[in-house]
C-alpha atoms as a PDB file:
ATOM      1  CA  MET A   1      20.831 -31.746  30.288  1.00  0.00           C
ATOM      2  CA  SER A   2      18.063 -34.305  30.859  1.00  0.00           C
ATOM      3  CA  ASP A   3      18.844 -37.949  31.554  1.00  0.00           C
ATOM      4  CA  GLN A   4      17.079 -38.922  28.350  1.00  0.00           C
ATOM      5  CA  SER A   5      19.456 -36.936  26.180  1.00  0.00           C
ATOM      6  CA  LYS A   6      22.470 -38.399  27.932  1.00  0.00           C
ATOM      7  CA  THR A   7      21.377 -42.008  27.523  1.00  0.00           C
ATOM      8  CA  SER A   8      20.179 -41.760  23.929  1.00  0.00           C
ATOM      9  CA  THR A   9      23.322 -40.231  22.463  1.00  0.00           C
ATOM     10  CA  PRO A  10      24.859 -42.402  19.723  1.00  0.00           C
ATOM     11  CA  ARG A  11      28.374 -41.327  20.654  1.00  0.00           C
ATOM     12  CA  LYS A  12      30.647 -43.998  22.085  1.00  0.00           C
ATOM     13  CA  SER A  13      32.407 -43.470  25.366  1.00  0.00           C
ATOM     14  CA  ASP A  14      35.823 -43.636  23.690  1.00  0.00           C
ATOM     15  CA  THR A  15      34.985 -41.218  20.893  1.00  0.00           C
ATOM     16  CA  ARG A  16      37.910 -39.068  19.792  1.00  0.00           C
ATOM     17  CA  LEU A  17      37.552 -35.964  17.718  1.00  0.00           C
ATOM     18  CA  ASP A  18      41.073 -36.157  16.310  1.00  0.00           C
ATOM     19  CA  SER A  19      40.610 -38.622  13.460  1.00  0.00           C
ATOM     20  CA  THR A  20      43.662 -39.696  11.490  1.00  0.00           C
ATOM     21  CA  THR A  21      41.735 -39.532   8.209  1.00  0.00           C
ATOM     22  CA  PHE A  22      39.368 -36.618   8.800  1.00  0.00           C
ATOM     23  CA  ASP A  23      40.759 -33.299   7.525  1.00  0.00           C
ATOM     24  CA  GLN A  24      40.373 -31.280  10.722  1.00  0.00           C
ATOM     25  CA  PRO A  25      42.025 -28.056   9.407  1.00  0.00           C
ATOM     26  CA  LEU A  26      39.592 -27.956   6.480  1.00  0.00           C
ATOM     27  CA  PHE A  27      36.665 -28.527   8.801  1.00  0.00           C
ATOM     28  CA  ASP A  28      37.870 -25.764  11.132  1.00  0.00           C
ATOM     29  CA  ARG A  29      37.944 -23.296   8.233  1.00  0.00           C
ATOM     30  CA  LYS A  30      34.421 -24.227   7.200  1.00  0.00           C
ATOM     31  CA  LEU A  31      33.293 -23.978  10.819  1.00  0.00           C
ATOM     32  CA  GLN A  32      34.735 -20.474  11.212  1.00  0.00           C
ATOM     33  CA  GLU A  33      32.803 -19.259   8.168  1.00  0.00           C
ATOM     34  CA  LEU A  34      29.624 -20.859   9.487  1.00  0.00           C
ATOM     35  CA  VAL A  35      30.059 -19.341  12.958  1.00  0.00           C
ATOM     36  CA  LYS A  36      30.429 -15.862  11.457  1.00  0.00           C
ATOM     37  CA  GLN A  37      27.214 -16.274   9.499  1.00  0.00           C
ATOM     38  CA  THR A  38      25.439 -17.680  12.571  1.00  0.00           C
ATOM     39  CA  GLN A  39      26.533 -14.763  14.742  1.00  0.00           C
ATOM     40  CA  TRP A  40      25.077 -12.380  12.174  1.00  0.00           C
ATOM     41  CA  ASP A  41      21.811 -14.347  12.063  1.00  0.00           C
ATOM     42  CA  LEU A  42      21.601 -14.317  15.882  1.00  0.00           C
ATOM     43  CA  LYS A  43      22.194 -10.586  15.973  1.00  0.00           C
ATOM     44  CA  MET A  44      19.475  -9.936  13.387  1.00  0.00           C
ATOM     45  CA  GLY A  45      17.062 -12.169  15.292  1.00  0.00           C
ATOM     46  CA  ARG A  46      17.706 -10.401  18.586  1.00  0.00           C
ATOM     47  CA  LEU A  47      17.291  -6.991  16.994  1.00  0.00           C
ATOM     48  CA  ALA A  48      13.970  -8.180  15.630  1.00  0.00           C
ATOM     49  CA  VAL A  49      12.955  -9.157  19.175  1.00  0.00           C
ATOM     50  CA  PHE A  50      14.001  -5.917  20.872  1.00  0.00           C
ATOM     51  CA  ASP A  51      13.835  -3.570  17.861  1.00  0.00           C
ATOM     52  CA  ALA A  52      17.054  -1.948  19.068  1.00  0.00           C
ATOM     53  CA  ASN A  53      20.716  -2.666  19.776  1.00  0.00           C
ATOM     54  CA  ILE A  54      20.765  -5.200  22.578  1.00  0.00           C
ATOM     55  CA  SER A  55      23.607  -3.441  24.394  1.00  0.00           C
ATOM     56  CA  LEU A  56      21.348  -0.436  24.921  1.00  0.00           C
ATOM     57  CA  VAL A  57      18.314  -2.371  26.156  1.00  0.00           C
ATOM     58  CA  HIS A  58      17.177  -1.856  29.744  1.00  0.00           C
ATOM     59  CA  GLU A  59      14.160  -3.038  31.693  1.00  0.00           C
ATOM     60  CA  ILE A  60      13.562  -6.145  29.590  1.00  0.00           C
ATOM     61  CA  GLY A  61      10.750  -8.432  30.707  1.00  0.00           C
ATOM     62  CA  GLU A  62      10.645 -12.191  30.978  1.00  0.00           C
ATOM     63  CA  ALA A  63       8.574 -12.573  27.817  1.00  0.00           C
ATOM     64  CA  SER A  64      11.196 -10.771  25.734  1.00  0.00           C
ATOM     65  CA  LEU A  65      13.972 -12.992  27.102  1.00  0.00           C
ATOM     66  CA  MET A  66      11.884 -16.080  26.329  1.00  0.00           C
ATOM     67  CA  LYS A  67      11.511 -14.792  22.773  1.00  0.00           C
ATOM     68  CA  LEU A  68      15.280 -14.282  22.570  1.00  0.00           C
ATOM     69  CA  VAL A  69      15.823 -17.923  23.548  1.00  0.00           C
ATOM     70  CA  ASP A  70      13.299 -19.110  20.955  1.00  0.00           C
ATOM     71  CA  THR A  71      14.975 -16.976  18.269  1.00  0.00           C
ATOM     72  CA  ASP A  72      18.446 -18.366  19.059  1.00  0.00           C
ATOM     73  CA  ILE A  73      17.175 -21.955  19.091  1.00  0.00           C
ATOM     74  CA  GLY A  74      15.454 -21.342  15.744  1.00  0.00           C
ATOM     75  CA  VAL A  75      18.737 -20.191  14.191  1.00  0.00           C
ATOM     76  CA  LEU A  76      20.469 -23.302  15.516  1.00  0.00           C
ATOM     77  CA  ARG A  77      17.771 -25.639  14.182  1.00  0.00           C
ATOM     78  CA  ASN A  78      17.263 -24.057  10.788  1.00  0.00           C
ATOM     79  CA  SER A  79      20.740 -22.996   9.669  1.00  0.00           C
ATOM     80  CA  PHE A  80      23.565 -23.763  12.104  1.00  0.00           C
ATOM     81  CA  VAL A  81      23.028 -27.512  12.622  1.00  0.00           C
ATOM     82  CA  PRO A  82      22.385 -28.221   8.899  1.00  0.00           C
ATOM     83  CA  GLY A  83      25.483 -26.179   8.077  1.00  0.00           C
ATOM     84  CA  ILE A  84      27.675 -28.155  10.495  1.00  0.00           C
ATOM     85  CA  ASP A  85      26.275 -31.422   9.156  1.00  0.00           C
ATOM     86  CA  LYS A  86      26.958 -30.455   5.538  1.00  0.00           C
ATOM     87  CA  ALA A  87      30.469 -29.157   6.273  1.00  0.00           C
ATOM     88  CA  CYS A  88      31.401 -32.373   8.065  1.00  0.00           C
ATOM     89  CA  ARG A  89      30.095 -34.573   5.248  1.00  0.00           C
ATOM     90  CA  ASP A  90      31.804 -32.443   2.589  1.00  0.00           C
ATOM     91  CA  VAL A  91      35.153 -32.783   4.360  1.00  0.00           C
ATOM     92  CA  GLN A  92      34.699 -36.550   4.597  1.00  0.00           C
ATOM     93  CA  ARG A  93      33.898 -36.855   0.889  1.00  0.00           C
ATOM     94  CA  SER A  94      36.729 -34.519  -0.105  1.00  0.00           C
ATOM     95  CA  GLY A  95      39.170 -37.150   1.198  1.00  0.00           C
ATOM     96  CA  GLY A  96      37.586 -39.829  -0.984  1.00  0.00           C
ATOM     97  CA  ASP A  97      35.856 -41.530   1.974  1.00  0.00           C
ATOM     98  CA  ASP A  98      32.275 -42.739   2.145  1.00  0.00           C
ATOM     99  CA  ILE A  99      29.648 -41.742   4.697  1.00  0.00           C
ATOM    100  CA  THR A 100      29.494 -44.789   6.982  1.00  0.00           C
ATOM    101  CA  SER A 101      27.826 -45.592  10.277  1.00  0.00           C
ATOM    102  CA  VAL A 102      31.199 -45.345  12.030  1.00  0.00           C
ATOM    103  CA  PHE A 103      31.757 -41.884  10.587  1.00  0.00           C
ATOM    104  CA  ILE A 104      28.316 -40.678  11.744  1.00  0.00           C
ATOM    105  CA  ARG A 105      28.815 -42.079  15.247  1.00  0.00           C
ATOM    106  CA  ASP A 106      32.463 -41.194  15.842  1.00  0.00           C
ATOM    107  CA  GLU A 107      32.987 -38.060  13.769  1.00  0.00           C
ATOM    108  CA  LEU A 108      29.879 -36.214  12.615  1.00  0.00           C
ATOM    109  CA  PHE A 109      27.593 -36.401  15.669  1.00  0.00           C
ATOM    110  CA  PRO A 110      30.262 -35.411  18.247  1.00  0.00           C
ATOM    111  CA  ARG A 111      31.204 -32.378  16.162  1.00  0.00           C
ATOM    112  CA  VAL A 112      27.590 -31.273  15.733  1.00  0.00           C
ATOM    113  CA  LEU A 113      26.926 -31.700  19.449  1.00  0.00           C
ATOM    114  CA  ALA A 114      30.081 -29.802  20.444  1.00  0.00           C
ATOM    115  CA  ALA A 115      29.222 -26.899  18.142  1.00  0.00           C
ATOM    116  CA  VAL A 116      25.644 -26.717  19.467  1.00  0.00           C
ATOM    117  CA  ASN A 117      26.886 -26.691  23.054  1.00  0.00           C
ATOM    118  CA  GLU A 118      29.170 -23.755  22.242  1.00  0.00           C
ATOM    119  CA  ARG A 119      26.216 -21.822  20.818  1.00  0.00           C
ATOM    120  CA  GLN A 120      24.211 -22.658  23.944  1.00  0.00           C
ATOM    121  CA  ALA A 121      26.973 -21.243  26.128  1.00  0.00           C
ATOM    122  CA  GLU A 122      26.984 -18.060  24.032  1.00  0.00           C
ATOM    123  CA  THR A 123      23.199 -17.664  24.440  1.00  0.00           C
ATOM    124  CA  ARG A 124      23.463 -18.229  28.187  1.00  0.00           C
ATOM    125  CA  TRP A 125      26.185 -15.566  28.431  1.00  0.00           C
ATOM    126  CA  THR A 126      23.931 -13.109  26.576  1.00  0.00           C
ATOM    127  CA  LEU A 127      21.068 -13.814  28.968  1.00  0.00           C
ATOM    128  CA  GLU A 128      23.271 -13.354  32.015  1.00  0.00           C
ATOM    129  CA  THR A 129      24.589 -10.051  30.601  1.00  0.00           C
ATOM    130  CA  ILE A 130      21.042  -8.742  30.153  1.00  0.00           C
ATOM    131  CA  TRP A 131      20.110 -10.107  33.577  1.00  0.00           C
ATOM    132  CA  ALA A 132      22.953  -8.181  35.210  1.00  0.00           C
ATOM    133  CA  ARG A 133      21.789  -4.948  33.566  1.00  0.00           C
ATOM    134  CA  ASN A 134      18.161  -5.596  34.352  1.00  0.00           C
ATOM    135  CA  GLY A 135      18.260  -5.614  38.146  1.00  0.00           C
ATOM    136  CA  ASN A 136      18.806  -9.365  38.601  1.00  0.00           C
ATOM    137  CA  ARG A 137      15.227 -10.318  37.753  1.00  0.00           C
ATOM    138  CA  CYS A 138      13.498 -13.162  35.856  1.00  0.00           C
ATOM    139  CA  LEU A 139      16.674 -15.044  34.924  1.00  0.00           C
ATOM    140  CA  PRO A 140      15.969 -18.504  36.479  1.00  0.00           C
ATOM    141  CA  PRO A 141      12.777 -19.225  34.471  1.00  0.00           C
ATOM    142  CA  VAL A 142      14.466 -18.026  31.274  1.00  0.00           C
ATOM    143  CA  LEU A 143      17.496 -20.291  31.836  1.00  0.00           C
ATOM    144  CA  ALA A 144      15.159 -23.192  32.573  1.00  0.00           C
ATOM    145  CA  HIS A 145      13.408 -22.489  29.257  1.00  0.00           C
ATOM    146  CA  LEU A 146      16.801 -22.458  27.485  1.00  0.00           C
ATOM    147  CA  LEU A 147      17.748 -25.829  28.987  1.00  0.00           C
ATOM    148  CA  ARG A 148      14.418 -27.366  27.955  1.00  0.00           C
ATOM    149  CA  GLU A 149      14.780 -26.129  24.392  1.00  0.00           C
ATOM    150  CA  MET A 150      18.365 -27.382  24.184  1.00  0.00           C
ATOM    151  CA  ASP A 151      17.282 -30.776  25.518  1.00  0.00           C
ATOM    152  CA  ASP A 152      14.614 -30.953  22.816  1.00  0.00           C
ATOM    153  CA  LEU A 153      17.154 -30.006  20.152  1.00  0.00           C
ATOM    154  CA  GLU A 154      19.697 -32.582  21.302  1.00  0.00           C
ATOM    155  CA  ASN A 155      17.023 -35.294  21.564  1.00  0.00           C
ATOM    156  CA  ALA A 156      15.976 -34.512  17.994  1.00  0.00           C
ATOM    157  CA  LEU A 157      19.611 -34.783  16.871  1.00  0.00           C
ATOM    158  CA  ASN A 158      20.044 -38.069  18.757  1.00  0.00           C
ATOM    159  CA  ASN A 159      16.967 -39.562  17.135  1.00  0.00           C
ATOM    160  CA  ARG A 160      17.941 -38.359  13.684  1.00  0.00           C
ATOM    161  CA  TYR A 161      21.474 -39.727  13.777  1.00  0.00           C
ATOM    162  CA  ASP A 162      20.366 -42.940  15.490  1.00  0.00           C
ATOM    163  CA  ARG A 163      18.023 -43.608  12.566  1.00  0.00           C
ATOM    164  CA  GLU A 164      20.704 -42.838  10.010  1.00  0.00           C
ATOM    165  CA  ILE A 165      23.266 -45.021  11.801  1.00  0.00           C
ATOM    166  CA  GLY A 166      20.769 -47.897  11.871  1.00  0.00           C
ATOM    167  CA  GLN A 167      20.047 -47.568   8.155  1.00  0.00           C
ATOM    168  CA  LEU A 168      23.733 -47.440   7.257  1.00  0.00           C
ATOM    169  CA  GLU A 169      24.552 -50.430   9.463  1.00  0.00           C
ATOM    170  CA  ARG A 170      21.854 -52.500   7.740  1.00  0.00           C
ATOM    171  CA  GLN A 171      23.159 -51.503   4.314  1.00  0.00           C
ATOM    172  CA  GLU A 172      26.742 -52.307   5.303  1.00  0.00           C
ATOM    173  CA  SER A 173      25.681 -55.671   6.727  1.00  0.00           C
ATOM    174  CA  GLN A 174      23.833 -56.559   3.528  1.00  0.00           C
ATOM    175  CA  GLN A 175      26.850 -55.543   1.477  1.00  0.00           C
ATOM    176  CA  ARG A 176      29.145 -57.770   3.555  1.00  0.00           C
ATOM    177  CA  LEU A 177      26.777 -60.721   3.141  1.00  0.00           C
ATOM    178  CA  SER A 178      26.571 -60.108  -0.591  1.00  0.00           C
ATOM    179  CA  ASP A 179      30.363 -59.975  -0.869  1.00  0.00           C
ATOM    180  CA  ALA A 180      30.698 -63.185   1.158  1.00  0.00           C
ATOM    181  CA  LYS A 181      28.266 -65.075  -1.106  1.00  0.00           C
ATOM    182  CA  ARG A 182      29.862 -63.829  -4.291  1.00  0.00           C
ATOM    183  CA  PRO A 183      32.058 -66.579  -5.852  1.00  0.00           C
ATOM    184  CA  LYS A 184      35.718 -65.802  -6.222  1.00  0.00           C
ATOM    185  CA  LEU A 185      36.796 -65.216  -9.802  1.00  0.00           C
ATOM    186  CA  THR A 186      39.764 -66.900 -11.371  1.00  0.00           C
ATOM    187  CA  ASP A 187      42.565 -64.795 -12.832  1.00  0.00           C
ATOM    188  CA  ARG A 188      41.197 -65.441 -16.337  1.00  0.00           C
ATOM    189  CA  GLU A 189      37.672 -64.412 -15.308  1.00  0.00           C
ATOM    190  CA  ARG A 190      38.999 -61.288 -13.607  1.00  0.00           C
ATOM    191  CA  SER A 191      40.942 -60.422 -16.755  1.00  0.00           C
ATOM    192  CA  ASP A 192      37.893 -60.976 -18.989  1.00  0.00           C
ATOM    193  CA  ALA A 193      35.790 -58.796 -16.669  1.00  0.00           C
ATOM    194  CA  GLY A 194      38.352 -55.996 -16.909  1.00  0.00           C
ATOM    195  CA  ILE A 195      39.322 -56.236 -13.227  1.00  0.00           C
ATOM    196  CA  LEU A 196      42.968 -55.329 -12.729  1.00  0.00           C
ATOM    197  CA  PRO A 197      45.008 -57.715 -10.568  1.00  0.00           C
ATOM    198  CA  ALA A 198      45.821 -56.676  -7.024  1.00  0.00           C
ATOM    199  CA  ARG A 199      49.141 -54.911  -6.701  1.00  0.00           C
ATOM    200  CA  SER A 200      51.447 -55.965  -3.920  1.00  0.00           C
ATOM    201  CA  SER A 201      53.703 -53.517  -2.099  1.00  0.00           C
ATOM    202  CA  GLY A 202      56.645 -52.432  -4.224  1.00  0.00           C
ATOM    203  CA  GLN A 203      55.223 -54.110  -7.336  1.00  0.00           C
ATOM    204  CA  ARG A 204      54.567 -51.933 -10.317  1.00  0.00           C
ATOM    205  CA  LEU A 205      51.259 -52.501 -12.034  1.00  0.00           C
ATOM    206  CA  LYS A 206      51.718 -53.460 -15.667  1.00  0.00           C
ATOM    207  CA  ARG A 207      49.417 -51.773 -18.123  1.00  0.00           C
ATOM    208  CA  PHE A 208      48.672 -53.635 -21.309  1.00  0.00           C
ATOM    209  CA  ARG A 209      47.679 -51.387 -24.152  1.00  0.00           C
ATOM    210  CA  ARG A 210      47.022 -52.286 -27.712  1.00  0.00           C
ATOM    211  CA  ARG A 211      49.554 -50.592 -29.947  1.00  0.00           C
ATOM    212  CA  LYS A 212      47.934 -48.207 -32.360  1.00  0.00           C
ATOM    213  CA  LYS A 213      48.910 -48.621 -36.006  1.00  0.00           C
ATOM    214  CA  ARG A 214      50.940 -45.662 -37.155  1.00  0.00           C
ATOM    215  CA  LYS A 215      50.217 -44.172 -40.542  1.00  0.00           C
ATOM    216  CA  LEU A 216      53.214 -44.273 -42.848  1.00  0.00           C
ATOM    217  CA  THR A 217      54.607 -41.086 -44.297  1.00  0.00           C
ATOM    218  CA  ASP A 218      54.964 -40.527 -48.038  1.00  0.00           C
ATOM    219  CA  ARG A 219      58.733 -41.063 -47.773  1.00  0.00           C
ATOM    220  CA  GLU A 220      58.246 -44.398 -45.992  1.00  0.00           C
ATOM    221  CA  VAL A 221      55.696 -45.507 -48.607  1.00  0.00           C
ATOM    222  CA  SER A 222      58.308 -44.789 -51.299  1.00  0.00           C
ATOM    223  CA  ILE A 223      60.890 -46.883 -49.424  1.00  0.00           C
ATOM    224  CA  LEU A 224      58.392 -49.766 -49.248  1.00  0.00           C
ATOM    225  CA  ALA A 225      57.991 -49.553 -53.032  1.00  0.00           C
ATOM    226  CA  VAL A 226      61.774 -49.997 -53.398  1.00  0.00           C
ATOM    227  CA  LEU A 227      61.733 -52.964 -51.016  1.00  0.00           C
ATOM    228  CA  ARG A 228      58.970 -54.643 -53.041  1.00  0.00           C
ATOM    229  CA  LYS A 229      61.030 -54.503 -56.245  1.00  0.00           C
ATOM    230  CA  GLY A 230      63.747 -56.874 -55.146  1.00  0.00           C
ATOM    231  CA  LYS A 231      66.394 -58.024 -52.708  1.00  0.00           C
ATOM    232  CA  ALA A 232      68.566 -54.938 -52.690  1.00  0.00           C
ATOM    233  CA  ILE A 233      70.917 -54.965 -49.726  1.00  0.00           C
ATOM    234  CA  GLY A 234      73.735 -52.876 -48.364  1.00  0.00           C
ATOM    235  CA  ILE A 235      75.054 -50.042 -50.516  1.00  0.00           C
ATOM    236  CA  VAL A 236      72.954 -51.297 -53.459  1.00  0.00           C
ATOM    237  CA  TYR A 237      69.820 -50.677 -51.424  1.00  0.00           C
ATOM    238  CA  CYS A 238      71.032 -47.149 -50.696  1.00  0.00           C
ATOM    239  CA  TYR A 239      71.687 -46.459 -54.433  1.00  0.00           C
ATOM    240  CA  ALA A 240      68.179 -47.704 -55.194  1.00  0.00           C
ATOM    241  CA  LEU A 241      66.781 -45.166 -52.753  1.00  0.00           C
ATOM    242  CA  GLU A 242      68.878 -42.438 -54.341  1.00  0.00           C
ATOM    243  CA  LEU A 243      67.563 -43.327 -57.799  1.00  0.00           C
ATOM    244  CA  GLU A 244      64.038 -42.793 -56.482  1.00  0.00           C
ATOM    245  CA  LYS A 245      65.197 -39.444 -55.021  1.00  0.00           C
ATOM    246  CA  ILE A 246      64.383 -40.543 -51.483  1.00  0.00           C
ATOM    247  CA  PRO A 247      66.421 -38.585 -48.926  1.00  0.00           C
ATOM    248  CA  PRO A 248      67.268 -39.742 -45.388  1.00  0.00           C
ATOM    249  CA  ARG A 249      65.032 -38.662 -42.555  1.00  0.00           C
ATOM    250  CA  LYS A 250      64.951 -34.931 -41.844  1.00  0.00           C
ATOM    251  CA  GLU A 251      65.900 -35.543 -38.200  1.00  0.00           C
ATOM    252  CA  TRP A 252      69.022 -37.363 -39.343  1.00  0.00           C
ATOM    253  CA  ILE A 253      70.029 -34.580 -41.710  1.00  0.00           C
ATOM    254  CA  ASP A 254      69.506 -32.020 -38.950  1.00  0.00           C
ATOM    255  CA  GLY A 255      71.816 -34.140 -36.826  1.00  0.00           C
ATOM    256  CA  GLY A 256      74.649 -34.082 -39.375  1.00  0.00           C
ATOM    257  CA  CYS A 257      73.703 -36.956 -41.689  1.00  0.00           C
ATOM    258  CA  PRO A 258      74.577 -36.563 -45.420  1.00  0.00           C
ATOM    259  CA  SER A 259      71.679 -35.736 -47.709  1.00  0.00           C
ATOM    260  CA  THR A 260      71.886 -39.026 -49.669  1.00  0.00           C
ATOM    261  CA  TYR A 261      71.653 -42.633 -48.504  1.00  0.00           C
ATOM    262  CA  PRO A 262      74.876 -43.866 -50.197  1.00  0.00           C
ATOM    263  CA  GLU A 263      76.984 -41.160 -48.537  1.00  0.00           C
ATOM    264  CA  ALA A 264      75.264 -41.797 -45.174  1.00  0.00           C
ATOM    265  CA  TYR A 265      75.853 -45.564 -45.471  1.00  0.00           C
ATOM    266  CA  LYS A 266      79.599 -45.004 -45.741  1.00  0.00           C
ATOM    267  CA  ILE A 267      79.649 -43.398 -42.271  1.00  0.00           C
ATOM    268  CA  GLU A 268      79.753 -45.772 -39.317  1.00  0.00           C
ATOM    269  CA  LYS A 269      77.329 -43.676 -37.248  1.00  0.00           C
ATOM    270  CA  TRP A 270      74.477 -43.750 -39.805  1.00  0.00           C
ATOM    271  CA  ARG A 271      74.838 -47.261 -41.213  1.00  0.00           C
ATOM    272  CA  PRO A 272      73.042 -49.017 -38.289  1.00  0.00           C
ATOM    273  CA  ARG A 273      70.214 -46.503 -38.437  1.00  0.00           C
ATOM    274  CA  ILE A 274      69.681 -47.158 -42.149  1.00  0.00           C
ATOM    275  CA  GLN A 275      69.605 -50.903 -41.494  1.00  0.00           C
ATOM    276  CA  ASP A 276      67.191 -50.496 -38.590  1.00  0.00           C
ATOM    277  CA  GLU A 277      64.884 -48.330 -40.706  1.00  0.00           C
ATOM    278  CA  LYS A 278      64.927 -50.917 -43.465  1.00  0.00           C
ATOM    279  CA  TYR A 279      64.068 -53.733 -41.067  1.00  0.00           C
ATOM    280  CA  ARG A 280      61.247 -51.757 -39.433  1.00  0.00           C
ATOM    281  CA  LEU A 281      59.628 -50.864 -42.748  1.00  0.00           C
ATOM    282  CA  SER A 282      60.052 -54.382 -44.090  1.00  0.00           C
ATOM    283  CA  GLN A 283      57.570 -55.534 -41.423  1.00  0.00           C
ATOM    284  CA  PHE A 284      54.841 -53.876 -43.507  1.00  0.00           C
ATOM    285  CA  LEU A 285      55.634 -56.113 -46.512  1.00  0.00           C
ATOM    286  CA  PRO A 286      53.526 -59.221 -47.282  1.00  0.00           C
ATOM    287  CA  LYS A 287      54.931 -62.400 -45.773  1.00  0.00           C
ATOM    288  CA  LYS A 288      55.593 -63.971 -49.156  1.00  0.00           C
ATOM    289  CA  ILE A 289      58.303 -61.392 -49.825  1.00  0.00           C
ATOM    290  CA  VAL A 290      61.628 -62.535 -48.377  1.00  0.00           C
ATOM    291  CA  ARG A 291      63.121 -59.854 -46.185  1.00  0.00           C
ATOM    292  CA  ASN A 292      66.878 -59.483 -46.306  1.00  0.00           C
ATOM    293  CA  SER A 293      67.163 -57.191 -43.318  1.00  0.00           C
ATOM    294  CA  SER A 294      67.603 -57.553 -39.593  1.00  0.00           C
ATOM    295  CA  PRO A 295      67.536 -55.135 -36.642  1.00  0.00           C
ATOM    296  CA  THR A 296      70.708 -53.605 -35.319  1.00  0.00           C
ATOM    297  CA  SER A 297      71.623 -51.774 -32.157  1.00  0.00           C
ATOM    298  CA  ALA A 298      74.443 -49.545 -31.037  1.00  0.00           C
ATOM    299  CA  THR A 299      75.150 -51.977 -28.224  1.00  0.00           C
ATOM    300  CA  ARG A 300      75.595 -55.005 -30.512  1.00  0.00           C
ATOM    301  CA  ARG A 301      78.700 -55.998 -32.384  1.00  0.00           C
ATOM    302  CA  LYS A 302      79.359 -54.234 -35.665  1.00  0.00           C
ATOM    303  CA  ARG A 303      77.631 -55.949 -38.494  1.00  0.00           C
ATOM    304  CA  VAL A 304      79.698 -57.258 -41.349  1.00  0.00           C
ATOM    305  CA  ASN A 305      79.127 -55.255 -44.495  1.00  0.00           C
ATOM    306  CA  PRO A 306      76.871 -57.213 -46.890  1.00  0.00           C
END
């Protein structure tokens, strides 16, 4: 490689290809598919140069080998390098990460360069195989041509990624300055802006949701009509429901509850549920109506019969 390509590379000296966030197995699978397609493209290009299977070619001249090099470099420029670049960026985005200057410098460029060098080694091996079958002639100028073309390709990659890294670094710097100048919001301002508070480790984020109003059933509307008539309490309230032919809830009856409120009220298991239902529905009454009901719970003490 030329000295220019070595000095202009954007890769750091401590670059590591094994990133803790980059999905290397996924990238390897994408790379294998790309290499298969590239090998096919190289084979088709070489057949176009020699118009025959390369393993059967003998007495090949220098011009044909130069053409082979140009064909291989064209495949690398036009399909292989863009494919590696896209695969690397897709893997980065698949993990929810942005394309940053650090990613380009430490992850993408080293992988592109390593893959190109592998393709260069494969082309060199092909040339040496033909050279061995061709009476050991004209190989040095062809290899020199290969090295020049690879230097040009790597210099183009260096320049391209250097420009992109510079653009990203300027954008990231502007973003940091913008964030630094932005005034800090108070908790009230953050709440009004819809920004959720930061969650500390082990702390569960509370979600505040407005309770949707539930539409009352026909049976519940009938119970409200009984509640509006007067201050019926206890077993009297249950007889009032029976007079209106209002049965207990279907879920209760399926669970063993009697089919009428008075009979259900006489059973200890169903009495608290009737009282709870009455209290819940009484919340839909206008405030001017005095409610003679209160919530109960299985864990509280038994209520005294009204």
